Amino acid sequence: MFDLDPDLIYLNHAAVAPWPTAVARAVTDFAAQNRFQGAEHYPAWAAVEADLRVQLATLLNAPSSDDIALVKNTSEALSFVAAGLDWRPGDAVVGIVDDFPSNRLPWLALADQGVGFVGVDVNRAADPEAALIEALTADVRLLAVSSVHYATGLRIDLVRLGQACRDRGVLFCVDAIQSLGLIPFDVQACGADFVAADGHKWLLGPEGLGVFYCREELRPRLRLTQFGWHMVADVGAFDAPDWLPADSGRRFECGSPNMLGVHALAASVRAILETGVEHIFTHVDSLNCYLIEQAGEMGVSLAGGKPPETRRSGIVVVPVSPHDNVKIWQKLMADRVVTAPRGGGIRFSPHLHNHAAQIDKALASLARAMNA
């Protein structure tokens, strides 16, 4: 599935993932078509685009591929929600206090409309979901959470939160970038109204293309903020004097699609579905459990030890205090061990191509960096 340099230990899929072989081949083939035939086969390209929507709907367990919009990134998708809802002064959004900026800034930007943002510290809460649910007071219109915390790896119980939102009439928005493609996701089971995810992390695709799920009943309620030829119902009627937005998720796609990204992401999502998300997560989880155990053997333990199974994700953050985690990360990079400095430690996020011997080498590199 991967053709990585054997001298490289790549443990940073929670940031930007390397492309699988199939993705690189899809990009090369698409470039060759453009070079030698131009857009002669554009109808076939459009078929790949349509197939990608079906694949993403399958990955999300969405009711229909019509629920899928292809977007530039997570930030754009979440901004569609923030800018599209009919906010009233006094409304509030509940989220995670130290979530990734993409899932904070769109809500914080609503302050000039009189909308407040209530941040909950899920990483310090004994019961993260209970803390979020407790914050769902009468003025809260929307709960916006990440399925997995980018800096700690904490996995959130989306089904529990979705039920709480339904019980209270609160909209539920999920940033799934740190789980989609790695952990089985069921948008119908969790009751999410909106889901967003970029393609360049666990979906193993390129930067510049992601997915936005919007529940069918809510699509007309989101005020459109971008307009162009691709988002209309009659997409080929260029001379039509009147227009209506598409009923499907395409209504959020104003202009020409990123066809290069479409071919690449279609190849990666197809490979994920063929391999099986459950199989991928089982392998990644086993490596992360091994990493936690071996880190403990070298005297570096996670606070609270190994998380329970329902809390585990693709991310393990090994604390390096009192060392500067950026300096430790730079030493790891010099050893060609690719990780990330996050959460006060070093964030590890392996994938299928990784194995236990690489974890041993990475931890040996970490030990040398900390003891230097």
Protein backbone atom coordinates (compact mmCIF):
# COMPACT_ATOMS: atom_id res chain seq x y z
CA MET A 1 0.00 0.00 0.00
CA PHE A 2 2.95 2.35 0.76
CA ASP A 3 6.41 2.76 -0.78
CA LEU A 4 8.13 4.84 1.87
CA ASP A 5 11.90 5.26 2.11
CA PRO A 6 13.01 2.32 4.31
CA ASP A 7 15.39 4.60 6.20
CA LEU A 8 12.52 6.89 7.22
CA ILE A 9 10.31 6.21 10.25
CA TYR A 10 7.12 8.10 9.47
CA LEU A 11 4.85 8.45 12.50
CA ASN A 12 2.99 11.64 11.65
CA HIS A 13 -0.26 10.67 9.91
CA ALA A 14 -2.20 12.98 12.23
CA ALA A 15 -0.50 15.88 10.41
CA VAL A 16 0.12 15.19 6.71
CA ALA A 17 0.12 11.56 5.62
CA PRO A 18 2.37 10.10 2.91
CA TRP A 19 0.52 9.02 -0.19
CA PRO A 20 -0.17 5.33 -0.75
CA THR A 21 1.13 3.84 -4.00
CA ALA A 22 -2.34 3.95 -5.55
CA VAL A 23 -2.62 7.69 -4.93
CA ALA A 24 0.73 8.49 -6.49
CA ARG A 25 -0.21 6.35 -9.50
CA ALA A 26 -3.58 8.10 -9.85
CA VAL A 27 -1.87 11.51 -9.85
CA THR A 28 0.71 10.40 -12.38
CA ASP A 29 -1.93 8.91 -14.68
CA PHE A 30 -4.08 12.03 -14.43
CA ALA A 31 -1.09 14.24 -15.24
CA ALA A 32 -0.32 12.09 -18.28
CA GLN A 33 -3.91 12.43 -19.50
CA ASN A 34 -3.70 16.19 -19.18
CA ARG A 35 -0.34 16.25 -20.93
CA PHE A 36 -1.30 14.15 -23.90
CA GLN A 37 -5.09 14.40 -24.26
CA GLY A 38 -6.08 17.50 -22.30
CA ALA A 39 -9.69 17.28 -21.14
CA GLU A 40 -10.78 14.91 -23.92
CA HIS A 41 -12.01 12.46 -21.31
CA TYR A 42 -13.70 14.96 -18.98
CA PRO A 43 -16.90 12.84 -18.72
CA ALA A 44 -14.76 10.04 -17.29
CA TRP A 45 -13.26 12.51 -14.81
CA ALA A 46 -16.78 13.52 -13.75
CA ALA A 47 -17.56 9.84 -13.18
CA VAL A 48 -14.58 9.60 -10.80
CA GLU A 49 -15.92 12.64 -8.96
CA ALA A 50 -19.34 11.01 -8.63
CA ASP A 51 -17.74 7.78 -7.43
CA LEU A 52 -15.75 9.68 -4.80
CA ARG A 53 -18.99 11.04 -3.34
CA VAL A 54 -20.33 7.49 -3.10
CA GLN A 55 -17.12 6.28 -1.43
CA LEU A 56 -17.19 9.11 1.12
CA ALA A 57 -20.86 8.48 1.84
CA THR A 58 -19.96 4.83 2.47
CA LEU A 59 -17.10 5.80 4.77
CA LEU A 60 -19.43 8.07 6.78
CA ASN A 61 -22.45 5.76 6.49
CA ALA A 62 -24.36 8.75 5.14
CA PRO A 63 -27.90 8.10 3.83
CA SER A 64 -26.97 9.29 0.33
CA SER A 65 -24.05 10.55 -1.74
CA ASP A 66 -26.22 13.67 -2.22
CA ASP A 67 -25.32 14.51 1.39
CA ILE A 68 -21.67 14.93 0.40
CA ALA A 69 -19.95 18.13 -0.67
CA LEU A 70 -16.34 18.21 -1.84
CA VAL A 71 -14.62 21.16 -0.16
CA LYS A 72 -11.15 22.68 -0.01
CA ASN A 73 -10.61 21.80 3.64
CA THR A 74 -12.18 21.38 7.08
CA SER A 75 -12.02 25.11 7.76
CA GLU A 76 -14.14 25.88 4.70
CA ALA A 77 -16.74 23.29 5.65
CA LEU A 78 -17.06 24.52 9.24
CA SER A 79 -17.22 28.09 7.97
CA PHE A 80 -20.21 27.11 5.80
CA VAL A 81 -22.02 26.17 9.01
CA ALA A 82 -20.89 29.19 11.02
CA ALA A 83 -21.71 31.67 8.25
CA GLY A 84 -24.85 29.88 7.11
CA LEU A 85 -27.00 29.49 10.20
CA ASP A 86 -29.52 32.17 11.21
CA TRP A 87 -27.88 33.26 14.43
CA ARG A 88 -29.59 35.54 16.93
CA PRO A 89 -27.96 37.76 19.58
CA GLY A 90 -27.64 35.72 22.75
CA ASP A 91 -27.12 32.39 20.97
CA ALA A 92 -24.17 30.27 22.04
CA VAL A 93 -21.93 27.56 20.63
CA VAL A 94 -20.34 24.96 22.90
CA GLY A 95 -16.98 23.53 21.88
CA ILE A 96 -13.64 22.33 23.16
CA VAL A 97 -11.61 25.11 24.75
CA ASP A 98 -8.27 24.10 23.23
CA ASP A 99 -9.55 22.47 20.04
CA PHE A 100 -7.67 22.98 16.78
CA PRO A 101 -8.20 26.56 15.49
CA SER A 102 -10.30 25.33 12.55
CA ASN A 103 -12.96 24.26 15.04
CA ARG A 104 -12.75 27.39 17.21
CA LEU A 105 -12.20 30.38 14.95
CA PRO A 106 -15.42 30.04 12.89
CA TRP A 107 -17.44 30.13 16.12
CA LEU A 108 -15.37 32.85 17.79
CA ALA A 109 -15.84 34.97 14.65
CA LEU A 110 -19.58 35.08 15.41
CA ALA A 111 -19.01 37.40 18.37
CA ASP A 112 -19.94 40.47 16.31
CA GLN A 113 -23.39 38.90 15.86
CA GLY A 114 -23.80 38.51 19.61
CA VAL A 115 -23.06 34.78 19.56
CA GLY A 116 -20.95 33.46 22.42
CA PHE A 117 -18.49 30.58 22.45
CA VAL A 118 -18.39 28.35 25.54
CA GLY A 119 -15.15 26.35 25.70
CA VAL A 120 -15.07 23.13 27.72
CA ASP A 121 -11.79 21.59 28.90
CA VAL A 122 -12.45 17.97 27.96
CA ASN A 123 -8.89 16.86 28.62
CA ARG A 124 -9.13 17.72 32.31
CA ALA A 125 -12.70 16.53 32.82
CA ALA A 126 -13.29 13.20 34.56
CA ASP A 127 -16.18 12.65 32.14
CA PRO A 128 -15.58 14.70 28.95
CA GLU A 129 -19.02 14.09 27.48
CA ALA A 130 -20.78 14.97 30.74
CA ALA A 131 -18.84 18.24 30.86
CA LEU A 132 -19.93 19.10 27.32
CA ILE A 133 -23.53 18.09 27.97
CA GLU A 134 -23.65 20.16 31.16
CA ALA A 135 -22.71 23.21 29.08
CA LEU A 136 -25.75 22.74 26.78
CA THR A 137 -27.90 25.41 28.38
CA ALA A 138 -31.07 26.86 26.87
CA ASP A 139 -29.20 29.47 24.81
CA VAL A 140 -26.94 26.94 23.05
CA ARG A 141 -27.77 26.43 19.37
CA LEU A 142 -24.88 24.18 18.35
CA LEU A 143 -22.32 21.79 19.81
CA ALA A 144 -19.07 21.68 17.81
CA VAL A 145 -16.50 19.03 18.74
CA SER A 146 -13.61 17.16 17.22
CA SER A 147 -14.02 13.40 17.18
CA VAL A 148 -10.42 13.10 18.42
CA HIS A 149 -8.42 15.85 20.10
CA TYR A 150 -5.49 16.71 17.86
CA ALA A 151 -3.01 17.42 20.67
CA THR A 152 -3.86 14.65 23.16
CA GLY A 153 -5.51 11.89 21.14
CA LEU A 154 -8.60 11.89 23.39
CA ARG A 155 -11.44 10.16 21.56
CA ILE A 156 -14.92 11.55 22.11
CA ASP A 157 -18.10 9.48 22.41
CA LEU A 158 -20.05 10.99 19.51
CA VAL A 159 -23.11 8.75 19.94
CA ARG A 160 -23.60 9.95 23.51
CA LEU A 161 -23.22 13.59 22.51
CA GLY A 162 -25.51 13.20 19.51
CA GLN A 163 -28.28 11.80 21.69
CA ALA A 164 -27.86 14.66 24.17
CA CYS A 165 -28.13 17.17 21.32
CA ARG A 166 -31.28 15.54 19.94
CA ASP A 167 -32.86 15.54 23.40
CA ARG A 168 -32.21 19.28 23.73
CA GLY A 169 -32.85 20.42 20.17
CA VAL A 170 -29.19 21.41 19.71
CA LEU A 171 -27.42 21.11 16.35
CA PHE A 172 -24.40 18.78 16.34
CA CYS A 173 -21.28 19.53 14.27
CA VAL A 174 -18.27 17.17 14.17
CA ASP A 175 -14.74 17.82 12.95
CA ALA A 176 -13.77 14.27 12.01
CA ILE A 177 -10.33 15.00 10.55
CA GLN A 178 -8.52 12.99 13.23
CA SER A 179 -10.67 9.88 12.87
CA LEU A 180 -12.24 9.53 9.43
CA GLY A 181 -10.43 6.77 7.54
CA LEU A 182 -8.94 5.33 10.73
CA ILE A 183 -11.81 4.76 13.17
CA PRO A 184 -15.19 3.45 11.98
CA PHE A 185 -17.56 6.40 11.64
CA ASP A 186 -21.36 6.26 11.51
CA VAL A 187 -23.01 9.62 10.96
CA GLN A 188 -26.47 8.10 11.33
CA ALA A 189 -25.66 6.38 14.61
CA CYS A 190 -24.15 9.50 16.18
CA GLY A 191 -26.80 11.82 14.74
CA ALA A 192 -24.38 14.48 13.54
CA ASP A 193 -25.98 17.25 11.53
CA PHE A 194 -22.68 18.38 10.00
CA VAL A 195 -19.36 16.55 9.56
CA ALA A 196 -16.14 17.93 8.11
CA ALA A 197 -12.77 16.34 7.38
CA ASP A 198 -9.70 17.09 5.28
CA GLY A 199 -8.27 14.47 2.96
CA HIS A 200 -4.59 14.75 3.87
CA LYS A 201 -4.47 13.00 7.24
CA TRP A 202 -6.05 9.61 7.91
CA LEU A 203 -7.77 9.68 4.51
CA LEU A 204 -4.26 9.47 3.01
CA GLY A 205 -4.99 11.93 0.22
CA PRO A 206 -3.63 15.30 -0.89
CA GLU A 207 -4.02 18.65 0.78
CA GLY A 208 -6.66 20.87 -0.82
CA LEU A 209 -9.66 18.52 -0.87
CA GLY A 210 -11.94 17.35 1.90
CA VAL A 211 -15.49 16.30 2.69
CA PHE A 212 -18.49 18.12 4.13
CA TYR A 213 -21.57 16.17 5.19
CA CYS A 214 -24.76 18.12 5.74
CA ARG A 215 -28.01 16.45 6.77
CA GLU A 216 -30.60 16.74 4.00
CA GLU A 217 -33.18 18.67 6.02
CA LEU A 218 -30.61 21.26 7.03
CA ARG A 219 -29.13 22.06 3.63
CA PRO A 220 -31.81 24.67 2.76
CA ARG A 221 -31.32 26.27 6.18
CA LEU A 222 -27.68 27.16 5.55
CA ARG A 223 -27.42 30.55 3.88
CA LEU A 224 -25.12 30.22 0.90
CA THR A 225 -21.96 32.33 0.95
CA GLN A 226 -20.33 31.29 -2.34
CA PHE A 227 -21.85 31.30 -5.80
CA GLY A 228 -20.86 29.99 -9.22
CA TRP A 229 -21.66 27.70 -12.10
CA HIS A 230 -21.03 24.40 -10.30
CA MET A 231 -23.48 24.88 -7.42
CA VAL A 232 -26.66 25.32 -9.47
CA ALA A 233 -29.35 22.70 -9.93
CA ASP A 234 -29.09 22.71 -13.74
CA VAL A 235 -25.31 22.57 -13.82
CA GLY A 236 -24.93 22.59 -17.61
CA ALA A 237 -27.35 25.41 -18.40
CA PHE A 238 -24.76 28.16 -18.79
CA ASP A 239 -27.15 30.51 -20.66
CA ALA A 240 -30.14 30.12 -18.35
CA PRO A 241 -31.41 33.51 -17.12
CA ASP A 242 -32.58 32.09 -13.79
CA TRP A 243 -31.01 29.61 -11.42
CA LEU A 244 -31.62 27.60 -8.29
CA PRO A 245 -28.99 26.02 -6.04
CA ALA A 246 -28.63 22.26 -6.22
CA ASP A 247 -30.59 20.34 -3.60
CA SER A 248 -27.57 18.13 -2.95
CA GLY A 249 -24.29 18.92 -1.22
CA ARG A 250 -23.08 20.31 -4.52
CA ARG A 251 -24.87 23.54 -3.55
CA PHE A 252 -21.79 24.32 -1.42
CA GLU A 253 -19.36 23.86 -4.35
CA CYS A 254 -19.35 27.18 -6.18
CA GLY A 255 -16.83 26.61 -8.97
CA SER A 256 -14.74 24.16 -10.93
CA PRO A 257 -13.83 21.01 -9.03
CA ASN A 258 -10.27 20.14 -8.03
CA MET A 259 -10.09 17.22 -10.47
CA LEU A 260 -6.48 16.39 -9.63
CA GLY A 261 -7.42 16.16 -5.97
CA VAL A 262 -10.55 14.20 -6.85
CA HIS A 263 -8.54 11.50 -8.62
CA ALA A 264 -6.05 11.30 -5.78
CA LEU A 265 -8.61 11.21 -2.96
CA ALA A 266 -10.75 8.70 -4.83
CA ALA A 267 -7.74 6.39 -5.02
CA SER A 268 -6.95 6.72 -1.31
CA VAL A 269 -10.53 6.29 -0.09
CA ARG A 270 -10.96 3.28 -2.38
CA ALA A 271 -7.82 1.73 -0.86
CA ILE A 272 -9.09 2.41 2.67
CA LEU A 273 -12.46 0.82 1.97
CA GLU A 274 -10.85 -2.20 0.31
CA THR A 275 -8.43 -2.66 3.22
CA GLY A 276 -11.14 -2.07 5.82
CA VAL A 277 -11.22 0.69 8.40
CA GLU A 278 -11.53 -1.85 11.22
CA HIS A 279 -8.39 -3.63 10.04
CA ILE A 280 -6.47 -0.36 9.81
CA PHE A 281 -7.47 0.72 13.30
CA THR A 282 -6.69 -2.67 14.83
CA HIS A 283 -3.13 -2.45 13.49
CA VAL A 284 -2.62 1.19 14.49
CA ASP A 285 -4.08 0.61 17.95
CA SER A 286 -1.83 -2.38 18.55
CA LEU A 287 1.22 -0.29 17.65
CA ASN A 288 0.12 2.54 19.91
CA CYS A 289 -0.46 0.16 22.82
CA TYR A 290 3.01 -1.28 22.23
CA LEU A 291 4.44 2.26 22.10
CA ILE A 292 2.83 3.13 25.45
CA GLU A 293 4.17 -0.03 27.07
CA GLN A 294 7.69 0.44 25.73
CA ALA A 295 7.74 4.12 26.69
CA GLY A 296 6.86 3.04 30.22
CA GLU A 297 9.74 0.58 30.17
CA MET A 298 12.14 3.45 29.43
CA GLY A 299 10.69 5.46 32.31
CA VAL A 300 8.41 7.76 30.31
CA SER A 301 4.79 7.04 31.19
CA LEU A 302 1.58 8.65 30.04
CA ALA A 303 -0.49 10.29 32.74
CA GLY A 304 -3.13 7.72 33.63
CA GLY A 305 -1.39 4.99 31.65
CA LYS A 306 -2.94 3.33 28.61
CA PRO A 307 -6.38 4.81 27.85
CA PRO A 308 -9.40 2.49 27.82
CA GLU A 309 -10.23 1.06 24.41
CA THR A 310 -13.12 3.46 23.76
CA ARG A 311 -10.83 6.46 24.31
CA ARG A 312 -7.96 5.32 22.11
CA SER A 313 -7.35 6.88 18.71
CA GLY A 314 -4.47 6.98 16.24
CA ILE A 315 -2.56 9.43 18.43
CA VAL A 316 -0.25 8.87 21.39
CA VAL A 317 1.50 11.84 22.98
CA VAL A 318 4.62 10.90 24.94
CA PRO A 319 5.47 13.57 27.55
CA VAL A 320 9.03 14.93 27.51
CA SER A 321 8.84 17.48 30.34
CA PRO A 322 11.01 19.18 31.58
CA HIS A 323 12.55 19.15 28.09
CA ASP A 324 11.41 21.53 25.35
CA ASN A 325 9.28 19.35 23.08
CA VAL A 326 10.19 21.38 19.97
CA LYS A 327 13.90 20.78 20.56
CA ILE A 328 13.27 17.08 21.16
CA TRP A 329 11.22 16.93 17.97
CA GLN A 330 14.03 18.58 16.00
CA LYS A 331 16.44 15.90 17.23
CA LEU A 332 14.01 13.19 16.17
CA MET A 333 13.69 14.78 12.76
CA ALA A 334 17.49 14.77 12.45
CA ASP A 335 17.29 11.00 13.03
CA ARG A 336 14.60 10.81 10.29
CA VAL A 337 11.89 9.97 12.80
CA VAL A 338 8.91 12.06 11.71
CA THR A 339 6.55 13.00 14.54
CA ALA A 340 5.10 16.31 15.79
CA PRO A 341 5.50 18.46 18.93
CA ARG A 342 2.02 18.59 20.40
CA GLY A 343 0.33 18.63 23.78
CA GLY A 344 3.54 19.31 25.70
CA GLY A 345 5.16 16.17 24.33
CA ILE A 346 5.89 14.27 21.14
CA ARG A 347 2.87 13.13 19.16
CA PHE A 348 3.14 9.71 17.49
CA SER A 349 0.56 8.65 14.89
CA PRO A 350 1.49 5.44 13.00
CA HIS A 351 -0.27 3.64 10.14
CA LEU A 352 -0.34 0.30 8.32
CA HIS A 353 3.21 0.54 6.99
CA ASN A 354 4.68 0.90 10.50
CA HIS A 355 5.78 -2.03 12.65
CA ALA A 356 7.05 -2.69 16.17
CA ALA A 357 10.74 -2.54 15.21
CA GLN A 358 10.20 1.02 13.99
CA ILE A 359 8.53 1.94 17.27
CA ASP A 360 11.59 0.58 19.09
CA LYS A 361 13.92 2.68 16.93
CA ALA A 362 11.79 5.78 17.37
CA LEU A 363 11.78 5.39 21.16
CA ALA A 364 15.53 4.79 21.16
CA SER A 365 15.92 8.05 19.25
CA LEU A 366 13.63 9.76 21.76
CA ALA A 367 15.68 8.43 24.67
CA ARG A 368 18.91 9.72 23.12
CA ALA A 369 17.33 13.14 22.56
CA MET A 370 16.10 13.34 26.14
CA ASN A 371 19.39 12.18 27.62
CA ALA A 372 21.67 14.35 25.49
